[in-house]
Amino acid sequence: IADLQKQLESAQQKVAQERKRYTMMVADQSKLTANLQREIQTAAERLMALEYQVTRRAAEVKLLMYRVQELSSNYNPVKTDVVDVALSKWVNGYRPAVPFFRLAGGVYLFGTKKASCKLMGDKPVFHVEGLKLGFEELLEKYAAEELERLLVYKEDEGSAPQFLKFQEIRDAMAASGLLEDAQRMV
């Protein structure tokens, strides 16, 4: 009986040790599960934030594309400027994706490129970065690059696209009549 008693005590000690080890393993597993759940939650929140950013950027790109199409869809010249009237025929004929903006008589922005323009016969010839280019050559050389620049815009500190602020200023000037007055003066 004493021998059986010792075997029983030894077995009970082993069971107690195994229970203790099991309890520690369950606690470790609980910690690991909690950590994994936190990491999954963090990853899910990051994914949602990135999906929101992608959706917002897609909407901004769509807005930019509409704006580019609007700006390049119909060029209205200053009627008293012979160069501008001739250029409008070319712009309205080709309808480039990158808009032309008249800065002054014979001076234009093509996207972000500043170019001077003169007529050779009835064809516009541009002086850009030391090069002399016809209308088609200008489009061939700079259109893809300028379209890319229009689509990849910088954001200001408030994360609003800069072109929206410029558009708001332009619209306010147009509504007040200042834009039309300035165009007539040039």
N, C-alpha and C. Protein backbone atom coordinates (compact mmCIF):
# COMPACT_ATOMS: atom_id res chain seq x y z
N ILE A 1 0.84 -1.17 0.00
CA ILE A 1 0.00 0.00 0.00
C ILE A 1 0.89 1.25 0.00
N ALA A 2 1.93 1.25 0.76
CA ALA A 2 2.83 2.41 0.82
C ALA A 2 3.39 2.69 -0.58
N ASP A 3 3.66 1.60 -1.29
CA ASP A 3 4.19 1.75 -2.65
C ASP A 3 3.14 2.38 -3.57
N LEU A 4 1.93 1.95 -3.42
CA LEU A 4 0.83 2.51 -4.22
C LEU A 4 0.60 3.98 -3.85
N GLN A 5 0.77 4.26 -2.56
CA GLN A 5 0.59 5.63 -2.07
C GLN A 5 1.62 6.54 -2.74
N LYS A 6 2.89 6.08 -2.82
CA LYS A 6 3.95 6.86 -3.44
C LYS A 6 3.67 7.05 -4.93
N GLN A 7 3.20 6.00 -5.58
CA GLN A 7 2.89 6.10 -7.01
C GLN A 7 1.76 7.10 -7.25
N LEU A 8 0.76 7.07 -6.34
CA LEU A 8 -0.36 8.00 -6.46
C LEU A 8 0.11 9.44 -6.26
N GLU A 9 0.94 9.69 -5.25
CA GLU A 9 1.46 11.03 -5.01
C GLU A 9 2.31 11.51 -6.18
N SER A 10 3.14 10.60 -6.71
CA SER A 10 3.98 10.94 -7.86
C SER A 10 3.11 11.28 -9.06
N ALA A 11 2.06 10.50 -9.28
CA ALA A 11 1.15 10.76 -10.40
C ALA A 11 0.42 12.08 -10.19
N GLN A 12 0.01 12.37 -8.93
CA GLN A 12 -0.67 13.63 -8.65
C GLN A 12 0.26 14.82 -8.88
N GLN A 13 1.54 14.70 -8.52
CA GLN A 13 2.51 15.76 -8.75
C GLN A 13 2.69 16.00 -10.26
N LYS A 14 2.78 14.90 -11.01
CA LYS A 14 2.91 15.02 -12.46
C LYS A 14 1.68 15.69 -13.07
N VAL A 15 0.51 15.31 -12.58
CA VAL A 15 -0.73 15.92 -13.08
C VAL A 15 -0.73 17.41 -12.73
N ALA A 16 -0.32 17.77 -11.51
CA ALA A 16 -0.28 19.18 -11.09
C ALA A 16 0.70 19.96 -11.97
N GLN A 17 1.88 19.34 -12.22
CA GLN A 17 2.86 19.99 -13.08
C GLN A 17 2.32 20.17 -14.51
N GLU A 18 1.65 19.17 -15.03
CA GLU A 18 1.08 19.24 -16.38
C GLU A 18 -0.05 20.28 -16.44
N ARG A 19 -0.84 20.36 -15.36
CA ARG A 19 -1.90 21.39 -15.32
C ARG A 19 -1.28 22.79 -15.32
N LYS A 20 -0.22 22.93 -14.52
CA LYS A 20 0.46 24.22 -14.45
C LYS A 20 1.03 24.57 -15.83
N ARG A 21 1.67 23.61 -16.48
CA ARG A 21 2.23 23.82 -17.81
C ARG A 21 1.11 24.12 -18.81
N TYR A 22 0.00 23.41 -18.71
CA TYR A 22 -1.16 23.62 -19.59
C TYR A 22 -1.72 25.04 -19.39
N THR A 23 -1.84 25.46 -18.10
CA THR A 23 -2.36 26.79 -17.79
C THR A 23 -1.44 27.86 -18.37
N MET A 24 -0.12 27.67 -18.26
CA MET A 24 0.83 28.62 -18.82
C MET A 24 0.72 28.66 -20.36
N MET A 25 0.54 27.49 -20.96
CA MET A 25 0.40 27.43 -22.42
C MET A 25 -0.88 28.14 -22.87
N VAL A 26 -1.96 27.96 -22.10
CA VAL A 26 -3.23 28.64 -22.42
C VAL A 26 -3.06 30.15 -22.27
N ALA A 27 -2.36 30.59 -21.25
CA ALA A 27 -2.12 32.02 -21.04
C ALA A 27 -1.27 32.58 -22.18
N ASP A 28 -0.21 31.85 -22.57
CA ASP A 28 0.63 32.28 -23.69
C ASP A 28 -0.19 32.34 -24.98
N GLN A 29 -1.02 31.34 -25.17
CA GLN A 29 -1.86 31.31 -26.36
C GLN A 29 -2.84 32.49 -26.36
N SER A 30 -3.38 32.82 -25.22
CA SER A 30 -4.29 33.96 -25.11
C SER A 30 -3.57 35.27 -25.44
N LYS A 31 -2.34 35.41 -24.93
CA LYS A 31 -1.56 36.61 -25.24
C LYS A 31 -1.28 36.69 -26.75
N LEU A 32 -0.85 35.57 -27.32
CA LEU A 32 -0.57 35.56 -28.75
C LEU A 32 -1.82 35.85 -29.57
N THR A 33 -2.95 35.29 -29.16
CA THR A 33 -4.21 35.53 -29.86
C THR A 33 -4.61 37.00 -29.77
N ALA A 34 -4.45 37.58 -28.58
CA ALA A 34 -4.78 39.00 -28.40
C ALA A 34 -3.87 39.88 -29.26
N ASN A 35 -2.56 39.57 -29.29
CA ASN A 35 -1.63 40.32 -30.13
C ASN A 35 -2.00 40.20 -31.60
N LEU A 36 -2.31 39.00 -32.03
CA LEU A 36 -2.69 38.76 -33.42
C LEU A 36 -3.97 39.53 -33.76
N GLN A 37 -4.93 39.53 -32.85
CA GLN A 37 -6.17 40.27 -33.10
C GLN A 37 -5.91 41.77 -33.20
N ARG A 38 -5.01 42.30 -32.34
CA ARG A 38 -4.65 43.72 -32.43
C ARG A 38 -3.98 44.02 -33.76
N GLU A 39 -3.07 43.16 -34.19
CA GLU A 39 -2.38 43.36 -35.47
C GLU A 39 -3.37 43.29 -36.64
N ILE A 40 -4.31 42.36 -36.57
CA ILE A 40 -5.33 42.25 -37.62
C ILE A 40 -6.19 43.51 -37.64
N GLN A 41 -6.57 44.01 -36.46
CA GLN A 41 -7.37 45.23 -36.38
C GLN A 41 -6.60 46.42 -36.95
N THR A 42 -5.33 46.54 -36.59
CA THR A 42 -4.50 47.64 -37.10
C THR A 42 -4.36 47.54 -38.62
N ALA A 43 -4.12 46.34 -39.12
CA ALA A 43 -4.00 46.15 -40.57
C ALA A 43 -5.32 46.47 -41.27
N ALA A 44 -6.43 46.09 -40.68
CA ALA A 44 -7.74 46.38 -41.27
C ALA A 44 -7.99 47.89 -41.31
N GLU A 45 -7.64 48.58 -40.22
CA GLU A 45 -7.81 50.04 -40.19
C GLU A 45 -6.91 50.71 -41.23
N ARG A 46 -5.68 50.24 -41.37
CA ARG A 46 -4.76 50.79 -42.37
C ARG A 46 -5.29 50.54 -43.78
N LEU A 47 -5.81 49.35 -44.00
CA LEU A 47 -6.38 49.01 -45.31
C LEU A 47 -7.56 49.92 -45.63
N MET A 48 -8.42 50.16 -44.64
CA MET A 48 -9.56 51.05 -44.86
C MET A 48 -9.09 52.46 -45.20
N ALA A 49 -8.05 52.93 -44.49
CA ALA A 49 -7.52 54.27 -44.76
C ALA A 49 -6.94 54.34 -46.17
N LEU A 50 -6.21 53.32 -46.57
CA LEU A 50 -5.64 53.29 -47.91
C LEU A 50 -6.72 53.20 -48.98
N GLU A 51 -7.75 52.40 -48.74
CA GLU A 51 -8.85 52.30 -49.70
C GLU A 51 -9.57 53.64 -49.83
N TYR A 52 -9.73 54.35 -48.72
CA TYR A 52 -10.34 55.67 -48.76
C TYR A 52 -9.48 56.63 -49.58
N GLN A 53 -8.15 56.58 -49.35
CA GLN A 53 -7.24 57.44 -50.10
C GLN A 53 -7.32 57.14 -51.59
N VAL A 54 -7.33 55.86 -51.94
CA VAL A 54 -7.40 55.47 -53.35
C VAL A 54 -8.70 55.97 -53.96
N THR A 55 -9.80 55.82 -53.25
CA THR A 55 -11.09 56.29 -53.75
C THR A 55 -11.07 57.81 -53.93
N ARG A 56 -10.51 58.51 -52.96
CA ARG A 56 -10.42 59.97 -53.05
C ARG A 56 -9.54 60.39 -54.21
N ARG A 57 -8.41 59.73 -54.37
CA ARG A 57 -7.50 60.05 -55.47
C ARG A 57 -8.14 59.75 -56.82
N ALA A 58 -8.86 58.65 -56.90
CA ALA A 58 -9.54 58.32 -58.16
C ALA A 58 -10.56 59.39 -58.51
N ALA A 59 -11.27 59.88 -57.52
CA ALA A 59 -12.25 60.94 -57.76
C ALA A 59 -11.54 62.23 -58.19
N GLU A 60 -10.39 62.53 -57.58
CA GLU A 60 -9.64 63.72 -57.95
C GLU A 60 -9.10 63.61 -59.38
N VAL A 61 -8.61 62.42 -59.73
CA VAL A 61 -8.11 62.20 -61.09
C VAL A 61 -9.25 62.36 -62.09
N LYS A 62 -10.41 61.82 -61.75
CA LYS A 62 -11.58 61.94 -62.63
C LYS A 62 -11.95 63.41 -62.80
N LEU A 63 -11.94 64.16 -61.70
CA LEU A 63 -12.23 65.59 -61.76
C LEU A 63 -11.21 66.31 -62.62
N LEU A 64 -9.93 65.95 -62.44
CA LEU A 64 -8.88 66.56 -63.25
C LEU A 64 -9.07 66.26 -64.73
N MET A 65 -9.42 65.02 -65.05
CA MET A 65 -9.62 64.65 -66.45
C MET A 65 -10.79 65.43 -67.05
N TYR A 66 -11.88 65.55 -66.30
CA TYR A 66 -13.00 66.35 -66.78
C TYR A 66 -12.57 67.80 -67.00
N ARG A 67 -11.78 68.31 -66.05
CA ARG A 67 -11.33 69.70 -66.15
C ARG A 67 -10.42 69.89 -67.37
N VAL A 68 -9.50 68.94 -67.58
CA VAL A 68 -8.61 69.00 -68.73
C VAL A 68 -9.43 68.96 -70.02
N GLN A 69 -10.42 68.07 -70.08
CA GLN A 69 -11.26 67.98 -71.27
C GLN A 69 -12.04 69.28 -71.47
N GLU A 70 -12.54 69.83 -70.38
CA GLU A 70 -13.30 71.08 -70.46
C GLU A 70 -12.42 72.21 -70.98
N LEU A 71 -11.21 72.29 -70.43
CA LEU A 71 -10.31 73.37 -70.82
C LEU A 71 -9.83 73.23 -72.25
N SER A 72 -9.67 72.00 -72.70
CA SER A 72 -9.13 71.81 -74.04
C SER A 72 -10.22 71.59 -75.08
N SER A 73 -11.48 71.57 -74.68
CA SER A 73 -12.54 71.25 -75.62
C SER A 73 -12.84 72.38 -76.58
N ASN A 74 -12.77 73.63 -76.14
CA ASN A 74 -13.07 74.74 -77.04
C ASN A 74 -12.23 75.93 -76.63
N TYR A 75 -11.33 76.33 -77.50
CA TYR A 75 -10.47 77.47 -77.22
C TYR A 75 -11.13 78.72 -77.78
N ASN A 76 -11.38 79.69 -76.92
CA ASN A 76 -11.99 80.96 -77.33
C ASN A 76 -10.90 82.03 -77.39
N PRO A 77 -10.60 82.53 -78.59
CA PRO A 77 -9.50 83.49 -78.72
C PRO A 77 -9.93 84.91 -78.37
N VAL A 78 -8.93 85.73 -78.13
CA VAL A 78 -9.14 87.16 -78.02
C VAL A 78 -9.28 87.64 -79.47
N LYS A 79 -10.44 88.14 -79.81
CA LYS A 79 -10.78 88.44 -81.22
C LYS A 79 -9.84 89.45 -81.87
N THR A 80 -9.25 90.33 -81.08
CA THR A 80 -8.39 91.37 -81.64
C THR A 80 -6.94 90.89 -81.79
N ASP A 81 -6.63 89.68 -81.36
CA ASP A 81 -5.27 89.14 -81.43
C ASP A 81 -5.20 88.15 -82.59
N VAL A 82 -4.51 88.52 -83.65
CA VAL A 82 -4.43 87.70 -84.86
C VAL A 82 -3.79 86.34 -84.57
N VAL A 83 -2.74 86.33 -83.75
CA VAL A 83 -2.05 85.08 -83.40
C VAL A 83 -3.01 84.18 -82.63
N ASP A 84 -3.73 84.75 -81.70
CA ASP A 84 -4.65 83.97 -80.87
C ASP A 84 -5.79 83.38 -81.71
N VAL A 85 -6.31 84.14 -82.65
CA VAL A 85 -7.39 83.66 -83.52
C VAL A 85 -6.88 82.49 -84.37
N ALA A 86 -5.67 82.64 -84.94
CA ALA A 86 -5.10 81.55 -85.74
C ALA A 86 -4.84 80.32 -84.88
N LEU A 87 -4.29 80.53 -83.68
CA LEU A 87 -4.01 79.40 -82.79
C LEU A 87 -5.31 78.68 -82.40
N SER A 88 -6.37 79.44 -82.19
CA SER A 88 -7.64 78.82 -81.79
C SER A 88 -8.13 77.83 -82.85
N LYS A 89 -7.89 78.13 -84.12
CA LYS A 89 -8.29 77.20 -85.19
C LYS A 89 -7.54 75.89 -85.08
N TRP A 90 -6.26 75.97 -84.76
CA TRP A 90 -5.45 74.76 -84.61
C TRP A 90 -5.85 73.98 -83.35
N VAL A 91 -6.02 74.70 -82.25
CA VAL A 91 -6.39 74.04 -80.99
C VAL A 91 -7.76 73.38 -81.13
N ASN A 92 -8.73 74.10 -81.68
CA ASN A 92 -10.08 73.55 -81.82
C ASN A 92 -10.12 72.43 -82.86
N GLY A 93 -9.19 72.44 -83.80
CA GLY A 93 -9.12 71.37 -84.79
C GLY A 93 -8.50 70.10 -84.23
N TYR A 94 -7.42 70.24 -83.48
CA TYR A 94 -6.70 69.09 -82.92
C TYR A 94 -7.28 68.62 -81.59
N ARG A 95 -7.81 69.56 -80.81
CA ARG A 95 -8.32 69.29 -79.47
C ARG A 95 -7.32 68.49 -78.61
N PRO A 96 -6.16 69.08 -78.36
CA PRO A 96 -5.16 68.38 -77.53
C PRO A 96 -5.66 68.19 -76.10
N ALA A 97 -5.18 67.14 -75.46
CA ALA A 97 -5.58 66.85 -74.07
C ALA A 97 -5.01 67.88 -73.10
N VAL A 98 -3.94 68.54 -73.50
CA VAL A 98 -3.31 69.55 -72.66
C VAL A 98 -3.81 70.93 -73.09
N PRO A 99 -4.31 71.72 -72.16
CA PRO A 99 -4.88 73.02 -72.53
C PRO A 99 -3.82 74.09 -72.84
N PHE A 100 -4.21 75.02 -73.69
CA PHE A 100 -3.44 76.23 -73.97
C PHE A 100 -4.09 77.37 -73.19
N PHE A 101 -3.25 78.21 -72.58
CA PHE A 101 -3.73 79.41 -71.89
C PHE A 101 -2.96 80.60 -72.43
N ARG A 102 -3.67 81.62 -72.81
CA ARG A 102 -3.03 82.84 -73.29
C ARG A 102 -2.64 83.67 -72.07
N LEU A 103 -1.36 84.01 -71.97
CA LEU A 103 -0.88 84.85 -70.87
C LEU A 103 -0.84 86.31 -71.30
N ALA A 104 -0.44 86.53 -72.52
CA ALA A 104 -0.36 87.88 -73.10
C ALA A 104 -0.30 87.69 -74.61
N GLY A 105 -0.28 88.76 -75.35
CA GLY A 105 -0.19 88.66 -76.80
C GLY A 105 1.04 87.86 -77.21
N GLY A 106 0.83 86.72 -77.85
CA GLY A 106 1.93 85.90 -78.32
C GLY A 106 2.62 85.06 -77.26
N VAL A 107 2.11 85.05 -76.03
CA VAL A 107 2.71 84.28 -74.94
C VAL A 107 1.65 83.34 -74.37
N TYR A 108 1.98 82.05 -74.31
CA TYR A 108 1.01 81.04 -73.91
C TYR A 108 1.62 80.06 -72.91
N LEU A 109 0.73 79.42 -72.17
CA LEU A 109 1.10 78.25 -71.39
C LEU A 109 0.51 77.05 -72.11
N PHE A 110 1.34 76.06 -72.35
CA PHE A 110 0.86 74.78 -72.86
C PHE A 110 1.09 73.82 -71.70
N GLY A 111 0.02 73.55 -70.94
CA GLY A 111 0.20 72.82 -69.68
C GLY A 111 0.96 73.73 -68.74
N THR A 112 2.22 73.35 -68.45
CA THR A 112 3.05 74.19 -67.59
C THR A 112 4.20 74.83 -68.36
N LYS A 113 4.31 74.54 -69.65
CA LYS A 113 5.39 75.09 -70.49
C LYS A 113 5.00 76.47 -70.99
N LYS A 114 5.87 77.44 -70.77
CA LYS A 114 5.65 78.79 -71.28
C LYS A 114 6.26 78.85 -72.67
N ALA A 115 5.50 79.38 -73.62
CA ALA A 115 5.96 79.43 -75.00
C ALA A 115 5.53 80.74 -75.64
N SER A 116 6.42 81.28 -76.47
CA SER A 116 6.01 82.43 -77.28
C SER A 116 5.57 81.89 -78.62
N CYS A 117 4.65 82.59 -79.25
CA CYS A 117 4.07 82.10 -80.50
C CYS A 117 4.00 83.24 -81.51
N LYS A 118 4.39 82.91 -82.73
CA LYS A 118 4.28 83.85 -83.86
C LYS A 118 3.67 83.06 -85.01
N LEU A 119 3.20 83.78 -86.00
CA LEU A 119 2.64 83.13 -87.18
C LEU A 119 3.65 83.14 -88.31
N MET A 120 3.73 82.01 -88.98
CA MET A 120 4.47 81.90 -90.24
C MET A 120 3.42 81.53 -91.27
N GLY A 121 2.99 82.52 -92.03
CA GLY A 121 1.83 82.31 -92.89
C GLY A 121 0.62 82.26 -91.97
N ASP A 122 -0.11 81.17 -92.02
CA ASP A 122 -1.25 81.01 -91.12
C ASP A 122 -0.99 79.94 -90.06
N LYS A 123 0.27 79.50 -89.95
CA LYS A 123 0.62 78.44 -89.01
C LYS A 123 1.34 79.01 -87.78
N PRO A 124 0.91 78.57 -86.59
CA PRO A 124 1.60 79.02 -85.38
C PRO A 124 2.95 78.33 -85.23
N VAL A 125 3.95 79.11 -84.84
CA VAL A 125 5.28 78.57 -84.56
C VAL A 125 5.63 79.00 -83.13
N PHE A 126 6.04 78.02 -82.33
CA PHE A 126 6.30 78.25 -80.91
C PHE A 126 7.79 78.25 -80.63
N HIS A 127 8.20 79.10 -79.71
CA HIS A 127 9.56 79.11 -79.19
C HIS A 127 9.47 78.63 -77.75
N VAL A 128 9.98 77.41 -77.51
CA VAL A 128 9.92 76.79 -76.20
C VAL A 128 11.30 76.25 -75.85
N GLU A 129 11.82 76.65 -74.72
CA GLU A 129 13.10 76.15 -74.22
C GLU A 129 14.18 76.19 -75.31
N GLY A 130 14.22 77.28 -76.06
CA GLY A 130 15.24 77.44 -77.09
C GLY A 130 14.94 76.71 -78.39
N LEU A 131 13.81 76.03 -78.47
CA LEU A 131 13.44 75.30 -79.68
C LEU A 131 12.37 76.06 -80.45
N LYS A 132 12.40 75.92 -81.75
CA LYS A 132 11.38 76.50 -82.62
C LYS A 132 10.54 75.32 -83.13
N LEU A 133 9.25 75.28 -82.72
CA LEU A 133 8.39 74.14 -83.04
C LEU A 133 7.08 74.58 -83.65
N GLY A 134 6.63 73.83 -84.65
CA GLY A 134 5.29 74.02 -85.17
C GLY A 134 4.28 73.44 -84.20
N PHE A 135 3.01 73.66 -84.46
CA PHE A 135 1.95 73.20 -83.56
C PHE A 135 2.03 71.69 -83.34
N GLU A 136 2.11 70.94 -84.44
CA GLU A 136 2.14 69.47 -84.33
C GLU A 136 3.39 68.99 -83.60
N GLU A 137 4.52 69.65 -83.88
CA GLU A 137 5.77 69.28 -83.21
C GLU A 137 5.68 69.55 -81.71
N LEU A 138 5.06 70.66 -81.36
CA LEU A 138 4.89 70.99 -79.94
C LEU A 138 4.08 69.90 -79.24
N LEU A 139 2.98 69.49 -79.87
CA LEU A 139 2.16 68.43 -79.29
C LEU A 139 2.96 67.14 -79.17
N GLU A 140 3.68 66.80 -80.22
CA GLU A 140 4.44 65.55 -80.24
C GLU A 140 5.52 65.54 -79.15
N LYS A 141 6.19 66.67 -78.99
CA LYS A 141 7.31 66.74 -78.04
C LYS A 141 6.86 66.85 -76.59
N TYR A 142 5.80 67.63 -76.31
CA TYR A 142 5.49 67.97 -74.93
C TYR A 142 4.13 67.49 -74.41
N ALA A 143 3.23 67.04 -75.24
CA ALA A 143 1.86 66.73 -74.77
C ALA A 143 1.85 65.64 -73.71
N ALA A 144 2.54 64.53 -73.93
CA ALA A 144 2.52 63.43 -72.96
C ALA A 144 3.09 63.87 -71.61
N GLU A 145 4.22 64.57 -71.66
CA GLU A 145 4.87 65.05 -70.44
C GLU A 145 3.97 66.03 -69.68
N GLU A 146 3.35 66.95 -70.39
CA GLU A 146 2.50 67.95 -69.75
C GLU A 146 1.22 67.34 -69.21
N LEU A 147 0.65 66.38 -69.92
CA LEU A 147 -0.55 65.70 -69.41
C LEU A 147 -0.22 64.98 -68.12
N GLU A 148 0.93 64.34 -68.06
CA GLU A 148 1.38 63.66 -66.84
C GLU A 148 1.50 64.66 -65.69
N ARG A 149 2.06 65.84 -65.98
CA ARG A 149 2.19 66.87 -64.94
C ARG A 149 0.84 67.34 -64.44
N LEU A 150 -0.12 67.42 -65.34
CA LEU A 150 -1.46 67.85 -64.92
C LEU A 150 -2.10 66.81 -64.01
N LEU A 151 -1.82 65.54 -64.27
CA LEU A 151 -2.45 64.48 -63.50
C LEU A 151 -1.74 64.22 -62.18
N VAL A 152 -0.45 64.47 -62.11
CA VAL A 152 0.32 64.27 -60.88
C VAL A 152 0.58 65.65 -60.30
N TYR A 153 -0.37 66.12 -59.51
CA TYR A 153 -0.27 67.47 -58.97
C TYR A 153 0.18 67.40 -57.52
N LYS A 154 0.70 68.54 -57.06
CA LYS A 154 1.10 68.64 -55.66
C LYS A 154 -0.10 69.05 -54.84
N GLU A 155 -0.05 68.69 -53.56
CA GLU A 155 -1.11 69.11 -52.65
C GLU A 155 -0.53 70.13 -51.69
N ASP A 156 -1.38 71.03 -51.24
CA ASP A 156 -0.92 71.99 -50.24
C ASP A 156 -1.07 71.36 -48.86
N GLU A 157 -0.74 72.13 -47.82
CA GLU A 157 -0.76 71.59 -46.46
C GLU A 157 -2.15 71.09 -46.05
N GLY A 158 -3.19 71.68 -46.57
CA GLY A 158 -4.55 71.28 -46.23
C GLY A 158 -5.01 70.09 -47.05
N SER A 159 -4.15 69.53 -47.85
CA SER A 159 -4.37 68.39 -48.73
C SER A 159 -5.49 68.63 -49.75
N ALA A 160 -5.71 69.88 -50.10
CA ALA A 160 -6.64 70.19 -51.19
C ALA A 160 -5.81 70.39 -52.44
N PRO A 161 -6.25 69.87 -53.57
CA PRO A 161 -5.46 70.05 -54.78
C PRO A 161 -5.29 71.54 -55.08
N GLN A 162 -4.08 71.93 -55.45
CA GLN A 162 -3.79 73.33 -55.70
C GLN A 162 -4.64 73.88 -56.84
N PHE A 163 -4.91 73.05 -57.87
CA PHE A 163 -5.66 73.57 -59.00
C PHE A 163 -7.06 74.00 -58.58
N LEU A 164 -7.62 73.37 -57.54
CA LEU A 164 -8.95 73.77 -57.08
C LEU A 164 -8.92 75.19 -56.52
N LYS A 165 -7.86 75.51 -55.79
CA LYS A 165 -7.74 76.87 -55.24
C LYS A 165 -7.59 77.88 -56.37
N PHE A 166 -6.76 77.56 -57.36
CA PHE A 166 -6.59 78.46 -58.50
C PHE A 166 -7.90 78.60 -59.27
N GLN A 167 -8.62 77.51 -59.40
CA GLN A 167 -9.90 77.55 -60.11
C GLN A 167 -10.89 78.42 -59.35
N GLU A 168 -10.91 78.31 -58.02
CA GLU A 168 -11.79 79.14 -57.22
C GLU A 168 -11.46 80.63 -57.41
N ILE A 169 -10.18 80.96 -57.43
CA ILE A 169 -9.76 82.35 -57.63
C ILE A 169 -10.17 82.82 -59.02
N ARG A 170 -9.92 81.98 -60.03
CA ARG A 170 -10.28 82.33 -61.41
C ARG A 170 -11.79 82.53 -61.52
N ASP A 171 -12.58 81.62 -60.93
CA ASP A 171 -14.04 81.74 -60.98
C ASP A 171 -14.52 83.02 -60.30
N ALA A 172 -13.90 83.34 -59.17
CA ALA A 172 -14.28 84.57 -58.46
C ALA A 172 -13.95 85.80 -59.30
N MET A 173 -12.78 85.76 -59.96
CA MET A 173 -12.41 86.87 -60.83
C MET A 173 -13.36 86.97 -62.01
N ALA A 174 -13.75 85.83 -62.57
CA ALA A 174 -14.68 85.83 -63.70
C ALA A 174 -16.04 86.37 -63.26
N ALA A 175 -16.50 85.96 -62.09
CA ALA A 175 -17.81 86.41 -61.59
C ALA A 175 -17.81 87.92 -61.34
N SER A 176 -16.68 88.45 -60.91
CA SER A 176 -16.62 89.89 -60.62
C SER A 176 -16.36 90.72 -61.88
N GLY A 177 -16.03 90.08 -62.98
CA GLY A 177 -15.74 90.80 -64.21
C GLY A 177 -14.27 91.18 -64.36
N LEU A 178 -13.45 90.94 -63.35
CA LEU A 178 -12.03 91.29 -63.41
C LEU A 178 -11.30 90.50 -64.49
N LEU A 179 -11.64 89.23 -64.66
CA LEU A 179 -10.97 88.39 -65.64
C LEU A 179 -11.20 88.92 -67.04
N GLU A 180 -12.44 89.26 -67.35
CA GLU A 180 -12.78 89.79 -68.67
C GLU A 180 -12.07 91.13 -68.91
N ASP A 181 -12.05 91.98 -67.88
CA ASP A 181 -11.36 93.27 -67.99
C ASP A 181 -9.87 93.07 -68.26
N ALA A 182 -9.27 92.13 -67.55
CA ALA A 182 -7.84 91.86 -67.72
C ALA A 182 -7.56 91.31 -69.12
N GLN A 183 -8.43 90.44 -69.63
CA GLN A 183 -8.23 89.89 -70.96
C GLN A 183 -8.37 90.98 -72.03
N ARG A 184 -9.25 91.91 -71.83
CA ARG A 184 -9.42 93.00 -72.80
C ARG A 184 -8.22 93.93 -72.80
N MET A 185 -7.59 94.09 -71.64
CA MET A 185 -6.45 94.98 -71.53
C MET A 185 -5.22 94.41 -72.24
N VAL A 186 -5.13 93.09 -72.32
CA VAL A 186 -3.92 92.46 -72.90
C VAL A 186 -3.96 92.43 -74.38
